[in-house]
Amino acid sequence: MKVLAISGSLRKDSYNTRLLEAAEEVIGDRADIESFDIGKIPHYHGDQDGETKPQAVQELLDAIASADGLLIATPEYNYSLPGVLKNAIDWASRPAYKSVLKGKPTAILSASISATGGVRAQVHLRDILAGTLTPVLHAPDFLVPTAQHKFDETGKLTDEPTQQMLERRMGEFLGWVEGHQQA
């Protein structure tokens, strides 16, 4: 099984990127995890969305197409998801209703220094993915509030309850993706 991990944060020491790294550790050899850097994706421009796409966009499309499932970790900016993540989804959502996102099992995670943990970003991301016909794991929001207290200085997840919750969620996600493969 192949899972594509996308962090909605470009920050070097992003808690969301660290959360994806912790998820990869939890998943271990149950799936191959590939991370994709959306920072290299140009702003969506309809005039560039033809037969030949910008190279970074084509790489994103190929990575999504070859994955069995998507794992997206998003911070919350101004009560929503970051523009860079929305931009990547805009590129990947073409052609409408026939894109590489259609039917791709996806799980959403969030880590934030705030007490709400990114809940509003997840709501918006679910709405956006509904518009691309991308199924999202039907489970309570996976939130890591006050993330600055749950990772150590090397970026390792050290909070035991969060670690246990992540182990359960990744097990649920992998089982769900496997079910999609067999269907």
N, C-alpha and C. Protein backbone atom coordinates (compact mmCIF):
# COMPACT_ATOMS: atom_id res chain seq x y z
N MET A 1 0.85 -1.17 0.00
CA MET A 1 0.00 0.00 0.00
C MET A 1 0.90 1.24 0.00
N LYS A 2 0.48 2.24 -0.76
CA LYS A 2 1.25 3.48 -0.85
C LYS A 2 0.38 4.66 -0.40
N VAL A 3 0.92 5.46 0.51
CA VAL A 3 0.23 6.62 1.05
C VAL A 3 1.04 7.86 0.73
N LEU A 4 0.37 8.88 0.23
CA LEU A 4 1.02 10.16 -0.05
C LEU A 4 0.71 11.10 1.10
N ALA A 5 1.75 11.63 1.72
CA ALA A 5 1.61 12.57 2.85
C ALA A 5 1.85 13.99 2.36
N ILE A 6 0.93 14.89 2.70
CA ILE A 6 1.04 16.30 2.30
C ILE A 6 0.86 17.16 3.53
N SER A 7 1.86 18.00 3.79
CA SER A 7 1.75 18.96 4.88
C SER A 7 1.29 20.29 4.30
N GLY A 8 0.30 20.89 4.94
CA GLY A 8 -0.19 22.19 4.51
C GLY A 8 0.67 23.33 5.01
N SER A 9 1.75 23.02 5.68
CA SER A 9 2.66 24.04 6.19
C SER A 9 4.01 23.94 5.50
N LEU A 10 4.56 25.08 5.16
CA LEU A 10 5.89 25.11 4.53
C LEU A 10 6.99 25.40 5.55
N ARG A 11 6.60 25.71 6.78
CA ARG A 11 7.55 26.06 7.82
C ARG A 11 8.55 24.93 8.08
N LYS A 12 9.82 25.26 8.25
CA LYS A 12 10.86 24.27 8.48
C LYS A 12 10.54 23.39 9.69
N ASP A 13 10.13 23.98 10.78
CA ASP A 13 9.84 23.23 12.00
C ASP A 13 8.34 23.09 12.23
N SER A 14 7.61 22.85 11.18
CA SER A 14 6.15 22.74 11.23
C SER A 14 5.70 21.57 12.10
N TYR A 15 4.76 21.85 13.00
CA TYR A 15 4.18 20.78 13.81
C TYR A 15 3.37 19.82 12.94
N ASN A 16 2.79 20.31 11.86
CA ASN A 16 2.02 19.44 10.98
C ASN A 16 2.93 18.48 10.21
N THR A 17 4.08 18.97 9.78
CA THR A 17 5.04 18.09 9.13
C THR A 17 5.58 17.08 10.13
N ARG A 18 5.81 17.53 11.36
CA ARG A 18 6.26 16.61 12.41
C ARG A 18 5.19 15.55 12.70
N LEU A 19 3.94 15.96 12.65
CA LEU A 19 2.85 15.01 12.87
C LEU A 19 2.81 13.95 11.77
N LEU A 20 3.06 14.36 10.55
CA LEU A 20 3.14 13.39 9.45
C LEU A 20 4.32 12.44 9.63
N GLU A 21 5.43 12.97 10.12
CA GLU A 21 6.59 12.12 10.39
C GLU A 21 6.27 11.11 11.49
N ALA A 22 5.54 11.54 12.52
CA ALA A 22 5.12 10.63 13.59
C ALA A 22 4.17 9.57 13.03
N ALA A 23 3.28 9.97 12.12
CA ALA A 23 2.36 9.02 11.49
C ALA A 23 3.13 7.99 10.67
N GLU A 24 4.14 8.44 9.96
CA GLU A 24 4.97 7.53 9.17
C GLU A 24 5.66 6.51 10.08
N GLU A 25 6.13 6.98 11.22
CA GLU A 25 6.77 6.09 12.19
C GLU A 25 5.78 5.05 12.71
N VAL A 26 4.56 5.50 13.02
CA VAL A 26 3.51 4.61 13.52
C VAL A 26 3.14 3.57 12.46
N ILE A 27 3.04 4.00 11.22
CA ILE A 27 2.64 3.10 10.13
C ILE A 27 3.71 2.05 9.88
N GLY A 28 4.97 2.45 10.02
CA GLY A 28 6.07 1.50 9.86
C GLY A 28 6.06 0.83 8.50
N ASP A 29 6.16 -0.49 8.50
CA ASP A 29 6.22 -1.23 7.24
C ASP A 29 4.86 -1.67 6.72
N ARG A 30 3.77 -1.17 7.34
CA ARG A 30 2.43 -1.53 6.87
C ARG A 30 2.08 -0.81 5.57
N ALA A 31 2.81 0.26 5.24
CA ALA A 31 2.58 0.99 3.99
C ALA A 31 3.83 1.79 3.66
N ASP A 32 3.99 2.08 2.39
CA ASP A 32 5.06 2.99 1.96
C ASP A 32 4.50 4.40 2.02
N ILE A 33 5.22 5.30 2.67
CA ILE A 33 4.80 6.69 2.80
C ILE A 33 5.73 7.55 1.96
N GLU A 34 5.13 8.37 1.11
CA GLU A 34 5.90 9.34 0.32
C GLU A 34 5.38 10.72 0.70
N SER A 35 6.29 11.63 1.00
CA SER A 35 5.90 13.01 1.31
C SER A 35 6.05 13.85 0.06
N PHE A 36 5.13 14.79 -0.11
CA PHE A 36 5.19 15.69 -1.26
C PHE A 36 5.25 17.12 -0.76
N ASP A 37 6.23 17.88 -1.26
CA ASP A 37 6.42 19.29 -0.89
C ASP A 37 5.58 20.16 -1.82
N ILE A 38 4.49 20.71 -1.30
CA ILE A 38 3.61 21.54 -2.13
C ILE A 38 4.14 22.96 -2.30
N GLY A 39 5.25 23.28 -1.64
CA GLY A 39 5.83 24.62 -1.76
C GLY A 39 6.33 24.95 -3.15
N LYS A 40 6.57 23.94 -3.95
CA LYS A 40 7.09 24.18 -5.30
C LYS A 40 5.98 24.33 -6.35
N ILE A 41 4.72 24.17 -5.92
CA ILE A 41 3.59 24.28 -6.85
C ILE A 41 3.32 25.75 -7.15
N PRO A 42 3.27 26.14 -8.44
CA PRO A 42 2.95 27.54 -8.75
C PRO A 42 1.50 27.86 -8.44
N HIS A 43 1.18 29.14 -8.33
CA HIS A 43 -0.21 29.56 -8.13
C HIS A 43 -1.06 29.02 -9.28
N TYR A 44 -2.26 28.57 -8.94
CA TYR A 44 -3.14 28.06 -9.99
C TYR A 44 -3.43 29.16 -11.00
N HIS A 45 -3.31 28.81 -12.26
CA HIS A 45 -3.56 29.74 -13.35
C HIS A 45 -4.21 28.94 -14.48
N GLY A 46 -5.46 29.23 -14.75
CA GLY A 46 -6.21 28.47 -15.75
C GLY A 46 -5.56 28.42 -17.12
N ASP A 47 -4.83 29.47 -17.48
CA ASP A 47 -4.15 29.48 -18.78
C ASP A 47 -3.01 28.47 -18.84
N GLN A 48 -2.50 28.06 -17.67
CA GLN A 48 -1.41 27.07 -17.63
C GLN A 48 -1.94 25.65 -17.41
N ASP A 49 -3.26 25.54 -17.29
CA ASP A 49 -3.88 24.26 -16.99
C ASP A 49 -4.37 23.61 -18.29
N GLY A 50 -3.42 23.26 -19.14
CA GLY A 50 -3.75 22.63 -20.40
C GLY A 50 -3.21 21.21 -20.45
N GLU A 51 -2.98 20.74 -21.63
CA GLU A 51 -2.43 19.39 -21.83
C GLU A 51 -1.11 19.23 -21.09
N THR A 52 -0.25 20.25 -21.21
CA THR A 52 1.04 20.23 -20.53
C THR A 52 0.96 21.13 -19.30
N LYS A 53 1.21 20.55 -18.15
CA LYS A 53 1.14 21.28 -16.88
C LYS A 53 2.56 21.70 -16.46
N PRO A 54 2.66 22.69 -15.59
CA PRO A 54 3.98 22.98 -15.01
C PRO A 54 4.54 21.71 -14.37
N GLN A 55 5.85 21.54 -14.41
CA GLN A 55 6.48 20.30 -13.95
C GLN A 55 6.09 19.93 -12.52
N ALA A 56 6.11 20.88 -11.60
CA ALA A 56 5.78 20.57 -10.20
C ALA A 56 4.33 20.11 -10.07
N VAL A 57 3.45 20.67 -10.87
CA VAL A 57 2.05 20.26 -10.85
C VAL A 57 1.92 18.83 -11.37
N GLN A 58 2.60 18.52 -12.46
CA GLN A 58 2.54 17.16 -13.01
C GLN A 58 3.08 16.16 -12.00
N GLU A 59 4.14 16.54 -11.28
CA GLU A 59 4.68 15.66 -10.25
C GLU A 59 3.65 15.41 -9.16
N LEU A 60 2.92 16.45 -8.76
CA LEU A 60 1.86 16.29 -7.77
C LEU A 60 0.77 15.35 -8.28
N LEU A 61 0.31 15.58 -9.49
CA LEU A 61 -0.74 14.74 -10.08
C LEU A 61 -0.30 13.28 -10.16
N ASP A 62 0.94 13.05 -10.58
CA ASP A 62 1.46 11.68 -10.67
C ASP A 62 1.56 11.04 -9.30
N ALA A 63 2.00 11.82 -8.30
CA ALA A 63 2.13 11.28 -6.94
C ALA A 63 0.77 10.90 -6.37
N ILE A 64 -0.23 11.74 -6.59
CA ILE A 64 -1.58 11.43 -6.10
C ILE A 64 -2.13 10.21 -6.85
N ALA A 65 -1.97 10.18 -8.15
CA ALA A 65 -2.50 9.08 -8.95
C ALA A 65 -1.91 7.74 -8.54
N SER A 66 -0.64 7.73 -8.17
CA SER A 66 0.02 6.47 -7.83
C SER A 66 -0.20 6.05 -6.37
N ALA A 67 -0.79 6.92 -5.57
CA ALA A 67 -1.03 6.60 -4.15
C ALA A 67 -2.36 5.88 -3.98
N ASP A 68 -2.40 5.02 -2.99
CA ASP A 68 -3.65 4.35 -2.63
C ASP A 68 -4.49 5.21 -1.70
N GLY A 69 -3.83 6.11 -0.97
CA GLY A 69 -4.52 7.00 -0.05
C GLY A 69 -3.70 8.25 0.21
N LEU A 70 -4.38 9.29 0.70
CA LEU A 70 -3.74 10.56 1.03
C LEU A 70 -3.84 10.82 2.52
N LEU A 71 -2.78 11.36 3.08
CA LEU A 71 -2.74 11.77 4.47
C LEU A 71 -2.34 13.24 4.47
N ILE A 72 -3.27 14.10 4.86
CA ILE A 72 -3.04 15.55 4.82
C ILE A 72 -3.03 16.09 6.24
N ALA A 73 -1.98 16.82 6.58
CA ALA A 73 -1.90 17.51 7.87
C ALA A 73 -1.93 19.01 7.58
N THR A 74 -2.89 19.68 8.19
CA THR A 74 -3.06 21.10 7.91
C THR A 74 -3.06 21.96 9.17
N PRO A 75 -2.31 23.04 9.13
CA PRO A 75 -2.46 24.03 10.20
C PRO A 75 -3.71 24.85 9.94
N GLU A 76 -4.02 25.72 10.86
CA GLU A 76 -5.15 26.62 10.69
C GLU A 76 -4.63 28.04 10.60
N TYR A 77 -4.95 28.71 9.51
CA TYR A 77 -4.59 30.12 9.31
C TYR A 77 -5.88 30.91 9.16
N ASN A 78 -6.09 31.87 10.01
CA ASN A 78 -7.26 32.75 9.91
C ASN A 78 -8.57 31.97 9.78
N TYR A 79 -8.73 30.97 10.64
CA TYR A 79 -9.95 30.15 10.70
C TYR A 79 -10.13 29.24 9.50
N SER A 80 -9.08 29.00 8.72
CA SER A 80 -9.20 28.15 7.54
C SER A 80 -7.88 27.45 7.27
N LEU A 81 -7.80 26.79 6.12
CA LEU A 81 -6.57 26.13 5.74
C LEU A 81 -5.64 27.10 5.02
N PRO A 82 -4.36 26.81 4.98
CA PRO A 82 -3.41 27.69 4.31
C PRO A 82 -3.65 27.74 2.80
N GLY A 83 -3.39 28.90 2.22
CA GLY A 83 -3.56 29.08 0.78
C GLY A 83 -2.72 28.12 -0.04
N VAL A 84 -1.54 27.78 0.43
CA VAL A 84 -0.67 26.89 -0.33
C VAL A 84 -1.30 25.50 -0.47
N LEU A 85 -2.01 25.05 0.55
CA LEU A 85 -2.69 23.75 0.46
C LEU A 85 -3.90 23.84 -0.46
N LYS A 86 -4.66 24.91 -0.34
CA LYS A 86 -5.82 25.10 -1.23
C LYS A 86 -5.36 25.16 -2.68
N ASN A 87 -4.24 25.84 -2.93
CA ASN A 87 -3.69 25.95 -4.27
C ASN A 87 -3.35 24.57 -4.85
N ALA A 88 -2.70 23.73 -4.05
CA ALA A 88 -2.35 22.38 -4.51
C ALA A 88 -3.61 21.58 -4.84
N ILE A 89 -4.62 21.72 -3.99
CA ILE A 89 -5.88 21.02 -4.25
C ILE A 89 -6.54 21.56 -5.52
N ASP A 90 -6.49 22.88 -5.73
CA ASP A 90 -7.06 23.44 -6.96
C ASP A 90 -6.41 22.82 -8.19
N TRP A 91 -5.09 22.72 -8.21
CA TRP A 91 -4.41 22.09 -9.35
C TRP A 91 -4.82 20.62 -9.49
N ALA A 92 -4.85 19.90 -8.36
CA ALA A 92 -5.13 18.46 -8.41
C ALA A 92 -6.59 18.16 -8.74
N SER A 93 -7.46 19.15 -8.59
CA SER A 93 -8.91 18.91 -8.78
C SER A 93 -9.35 18.99 -10.23
N ARG A 94 -8.42 19.19 -11.15
CA ARG A 94 -8.78 19.31 -12.56
C ARG A 94 -8.47 18.03 -13.29
N PRO A 95 -9.26 17.60 -14.24
CA PRO A 95 -10.54 18.16 -14.63
C PRO A 95 -11.61 17.84 -13.57
N ALA A 96 -12.53 18.75 -13.43
CA ALA A 96 -13.57 18.63 -12.41
C ALA A 96 -14.28 17.28 -12.53
N TYR A 97 -14.50 16.66 -11.40
CA TYR A 97 -15.22 15.40 -11.25
C TYR A 97 -14.54 14.20 -11.91
N LYS A 98 -13.35 14.40 -12.45
CA LYS A 98 -12.60 13.30 -13.07
C LYS A 98 -11.13 13.37 -12.67
N SER A 99 -10.82 14.12 -11.62
CA SER A 99 -9.43 14.36 -11.25
C SER A 99 -8.81 13.18 -10.51
N VAL A 100 -7.51 13.29 -10.24
CA VAL A 100 -6.81 12.25 -9.48
C VAL A 100 -7.29 12.19 -8.04
N LEU A 101 -8.01 13.22 -7.58
CA LEU A 101 -8.55 13.22 -6.22
C LEU A 101 -9.85 12.43 -6.10
N LYS A 102 -10.54 12.25 -7.21
CA LYS A 102 -11.83 11.57 -7.17
C LYS A 102 -11.67 10.15 -6.64
N GLY A 103 -12.38 9.88 -5.55
CA GLY A 103 -12.38 8.54 -4.97
C GLY A 103 -11.15 8.18 -4.17
N LYS A 104 -10.20 9.10 -3.99
CA LYS A 104 -8.95 8.81 -3.29
C LYS A 104 -9.18 8.88 -1.77
N PRO A 105 -9.10 7.76 -1.05
CA PRO A 105 -9.31 7.78 0.40
C PRO A 105 -8.31 8.72 1.08
N THR A 106 -8.83 9.60 1.94
CA THR A 106 -8.00 10.65 2.54
C THR A 106 -8.30 10.77 4.03
N ALA A 107 -7.24 10.98 4.79
CA ALA A 107 -7.37 11.27 6.22
C ALA A 107 -6.76 12.64 6.48
N ILE A 108 -7.36 13.35 7.44
CA ILE A 108 -6.92 14.71 7.77
C ILE A 108 -6.46 14.74 9.23
N LEU A 109 -5.32 15.38 9.43
CA LEU A 109 -4.76 15.60 10.76
C LEU A 109 -4.47 17.09 10.91
N SER A 110 -4.40 17.57 12.14
CA SER A 110 -4.00 18.95 12.38
C SER A 110 -3.24 19.06 13.69
N ALA A 111 -2.22 19.90 13.68
CA ALA A 111 -1.49 20.25 14.89
C ALA A 111 -1.40 21.77 14.93
N SER A 112 -1.59 22.32 16.12
CA SER A 112 -1.60 23.77 16.25
C SER A 112 -1.14 24.17 17.64
N ILE A 113 -0.56 25.35 17.74
CA ILE A 113 -0.19 25.86 19.06
C ILE A 113 -1.41 26.39 19.80
N SER A 114 -2.52 26.54 19.10
CA SER A 114 -3.75 27.03 19.74
C SER A 114 -4.45 25.90 20.49
N ALA A 115 -5.39 26.27 21.32
CA ALA A 115 -6.16 25.29 22.07
C ALA A 115 -7.19 24.57 21.22
N THR A 116 -7.53 25.12 20.05
CA THR A 116 -8.52 24.46 19.18
C THR A 116 -7.89 23.46 18.23
N GLY A 117 -6.60 23.50 18.05
CA GLY A 117 -5.89 22.46 17.32
C GLY A 117 -6.11 22.39 15.82
N GLY A 118 -6.77 23.34 15.22
CA GLY A 118 -6.97 23.33 13.78
C GLY A 118 -8.34 22.86 13.33
N VAL A 119 -9.29 22.83 14.24
CA VAL A 119 -10.61 22.28 13.93
C VAL A 119 -11.30 23.01 12.79
N ARG A 120 -11.18 24.33 12.74
CA ARG A 120 -11.88 25.07 11.67
C ARG A 120 -11.24 24.80 10.31
N ALA A 121 -9.94 24.62 10.27
CA ALA A 121 -9.27 24.27 9.01
C ALA A 121 -9.76 22.92 8.50
N GLN A 122 -9.96 21.99 9.41
CA GLN A 122 -10.44 20.66 9.00
C GLN A 122 -11.85 20.73 8.43
N VAL A 123 -12.69 21.55 9.02
CA VAL A 123 -14.05 21.71 8.49
C VAL A 123 -13.99 22.22 7.06
N HIS A 124 -13.19 23.25 6.83
CA HIS A 124 -13.08 23.82 5.48
C HIS A 124 -12.46 22.82 4.51
N LEU A 125 -11.45 22.10 4.96
CA LEU A 125 -10.80 21.13 4.09
C LEU A 125 -11.77 20.01 3.70
N ARG A 126 -12.58 19.55 4.63
CA ARG A 126 -13.58 18.53 4.30
C ARG A 126 -14.57 19.04 3.25
N ASP A 127 -15.00 20.29 3.41
CA ASP A 127 -15.91 20.87 2.42
C ASP A 127 -15.26 20.94 1.04
N ILE A 128 -14.03 21.37 0.99
CA ILE A 128 -13.31 21.47 -0.29
C ILE A 128 -13.16 20.08 -0.91
N LEU A 129 -12.76 19.10 -0.11
CA LEU A 129 -12.58 17.75 -0.65
C LEU A 129 -13.90 17.13 -1.09
N ALA A 130 -15.00 17.50 -0.45
CA ALA A 130 -16.31 17.03 -0.92
C ALA A 130 -16.56 17.50 -2.35
N GLY A 131 -16.13 18.72 -2.65
CA GLY A 131 -16.31 19.27 -3.99
C GLY A 131 -15.45 18.60 -5.04
N THR A 132 -14.41 17.87 -4.61
CA THR A 132 -13.54 17.16 -5.55
C THR A 132 -13.84 15.66 -5.57
N LEU A 133 -14.92 15.28 -4.87
CA LEU A 133 -15.35 13.88 -4.77
C LEU A 133 -14.28 13.00 -4.11
N THR A 134 -13.57 13.60 -3.15
CA THR A 134 -12.53 12.91 -2.40
C THR A 134 -13.09 12.42 -1.07
N PRO A 135 -13.21 11.12 -0.87
CA PRO A 135 -13.75 10.63 0.40
C PRO A 135 -12.76 10.86 1.55
N VAL A 136 -13.28 11.35 2.66
CA VAL A 136 -12.47 11.60 3.85
C VAL A 136 -12.87 10.61 4.92
N LEU A 137 -11.88 10.04 5.59
CA LEU A 137 -12.13 9.08 6.66
C LEU A 137 -13.18 9.64 7.61
N HIS A 138 -14.25 8.90 7.76
CA HIS A 138 -15.37 9.34 8.60
C HIS A 138 -15.03 9.01 10.05
N ALA A 139 -14.47 9.99 10.73
CA ALA A 139 -14.05 9.83 12.12
C ALA A 139 -14.01 11.21 12.76
N PRO A 140 -13.99 11.27 14.08
CA PRO A 140 -13.85 12.58 14.72
C PRO A 140 -12.56 13.27 14.27
N ASP A 141 -12.54 14.59 14.34
CA ASP A 141 -11.35 15.35 13.95
C ASP A 141 -10.14 14.84 14.72
N PHE A 142 -9.01 14.75 14.02
CA PHE A 142 -7.76 14.40 14.68
C PHE A 142 -7.00 15.70 14.91
N LEU A 143 -7.01 16.15 16.15
CA LEU A 143 -6.45 17.45 16.51
C LEU A 143 -5.35 17.29 17.55
N VAL A 144 -4.29 18.04 17.35
CA VAL A 144 -3.23 18.11 18.35
C VAL A 144 -3.14 19.57 18.79
N PRO A 145 -3.93 19.96 19.80
CA PRO A 145 -3.87 21.33 20.30
C PRO A 145 -2.61 21.52 21.16
N THR A 146 -2.21 22.75 21.35
CA THR A 146 -1.00 23.11 22.10
C THR A 146 0.16 22.18 21.72
N ALA A 147 0.38 22.07 20.42
CA ALA A 147 1.38 21.14 19.88
C ALA A 147 2.79 21.44 20.38
N GLN A 148 3.06 22.68 20.74
CA GLN A 148 4.39 23.04 21.21
C GLN A 148 4.78 22.28 22.48
N HIS A 149 3.79 21.71 23.17
CA HIS A 149 4.06 20.94 24.39
C HIS A 149 4.05 19.43 24.13
N LYS A 150 3.83 19.02 22.88
CA LYS A 150 3.68 17.59 22.59
C LYS A 150 4.78 17.02 21.72
N PHE A 151 5.68 17.88 21.28
CA PHE A 151 6.84 17.47 20.50
C PHE A 151 8.09 17.96 21.23
N ASP A 152 9.16 17.18 21.15
CA ASP A 152 10.40 17.65 21.78
C ASP A 152 11.18 18.54 20.82
N GLU A 153 12.35 18.99 21.26
CA GLU A 153 13.14 19.93 20.45
C GLU A 153 13.68 19.32 19.16
N THR A 154 13.68 17.99 19.07
CA THR A 154 14.13 17.34 17.83
C THR A 154 12.97 17.09 16.86
N GLY A 155 11.74 17.40 17.31
CA GLY A 155 10.58 17.21 16.45
C GLY A 155 9.84 15.91 16.68
N LYS A 156 10.28 15.13 17.65
CA LYS A 156 9.64 13.83 17.94
C LYS A 156 8.39 14.04 18.81
N LEU A 157 7.33 13.35 18.43
CA LEU A 157 6.10 13.37 19.22
C LEU A 157 6.37 12.65 20.54
N THR A 158 6.17 13.34 21.65
CA THR A 158 6.48 12.77 22.97
C THR A 158 5.25 12.63 23.86
N ASP A 159 4.12 13.14 23.44
CA ASP A 159 2.90 13.08 24.25
C ASP A 159 2.25 11.71 24.07
N GLU A 160 2.22 10.91 25.12
CA GLU A 160 1.74 9.53 25.03
C GLU A 160 0.27 9.42 24.61
N PRO A 161 -0.65 10.22 25.17
CA PRO A 161 -2.05 10.11 24.70
C PRO A 161 -2.20 10.44 23.21
N THR A 162 -1.46 11.43 22.73
CA THR A 162 -1.51 11.77 21.30
C THR A 162 -0.92 10.63 20.47
N GLN A 163 0.16 10.04 20.95
CA GLN A 163 0.79 8.91 20.25
C GLN A 163 -0.20 7.75 20.14
N GLN A 164 -0.89 7.44 21.21
CA GLN A 164 -1.86 6.34 21.19
C GLN A 164 -3.03 6.66 20.25
N MET A 165 -3.49 7.89 20.27
CA MET A 165 -4.58 8.31 19.39
C MET A 165 -4.13 8.21 17.92
N LEU A 166 -2.88 8.59 17.65
CA LEU A 166 -2.33 8.51 16.29
C LEU A 166 -2.23 7.05 15.84
N GLU A 167 -1.80 6.18 16.71
CA GLU A 167 -1.71 4.76 16.37
C GLU A 167 -3.09 4.20 16.00
N ARG A 168 -4.11 4.56 16.78
CA ARG A 168 -5.47 4.09 16.46
C ARG A 168 -5.94 4.65 15.12
N ARG A 169 -5.73 5.95 14.93
CA ARG A 169 -6.22 6.59 13.69
C ARG A 169 -5.51 6.02 12.46
N MET A 170 -4.21 5.81 12.54
CA MET A 170 -3.50 5.27 11.38
C MET A 170 -3.95 3.84 11.10
N GLY A 171 -4.25 3.07 12.13
CA GLY A 171 -4.79 1.72 11.92
C GLY A 171 -6.14 1.77 11.21
N GLU A 172 -7.01 2.69 11.66
CA GLU A 172 -8.31 2.87 11.02
C GLU A 172 -8.14 3.30 9.56
N PHE A 173 -7.25 4.24 9.34
CA PHE A 173 -7.02 4.77 7.99
C PHE A 173 -6.51 3.68 7.06
N LEU A 174 -5.49 2.94 7.48
CA LEU A 174 -4.93 1.90 6.61
C LEU A 174 -5.96 0.81 6.32
N GLY A 175 -6.75 0.45 7.30
CA GLY A 175 -7.81 -0.54 7.06
C GLY A 175 -8.83 -0.04 6.06
N TRP A 176 -9.18 1.23 6.17
CA TRP A 176 -10.14 1.85 5.25
C TRP A 176 -9.59 1.90 3.83
N VAL A 177 -8.31 2.30 3.69
CA VAL A 177 -7.68 2.36 2.36
C VAL A 177 -7.64 0.95 1.76
N GLU A 178 -7.29 -0.01 2.58
CA GLU A 178 -7.26 -1.41 2.10
C GLU A 178 -8.63 -1.84 1.61
N GLY A 179 -9.67 -1.46 2.31
CA GLY A 179 -11.03 -1.76 1.87
C GLY A 179 -11.36 -1.14 0.53
N HIS A 180 -10.86 0.07 0.29
CA HIS A 180 -11.07 0.74 -1.00
C HIS A 180 -10.34 0.00 -2.11
N GLN A 181 -9.16 -0.54 -1.79
CA GLN A 181 -8.40 -1.27 -2.81
C GLN A 181 -9.12 -2.54 -3.23
N GLN A 182 -9.80 -3.18 -2.28
CA GLN A 182 -10.47 -4.44 -2.57
C GLN A 182 -11.83 -4.25 -3.24
N ALA A 183 -12.38 -3.05 -3.12
CA ALA A 183 -13.71 -2.79 -3.68
C ALA A 183 -13.68 -2.64 -5.19
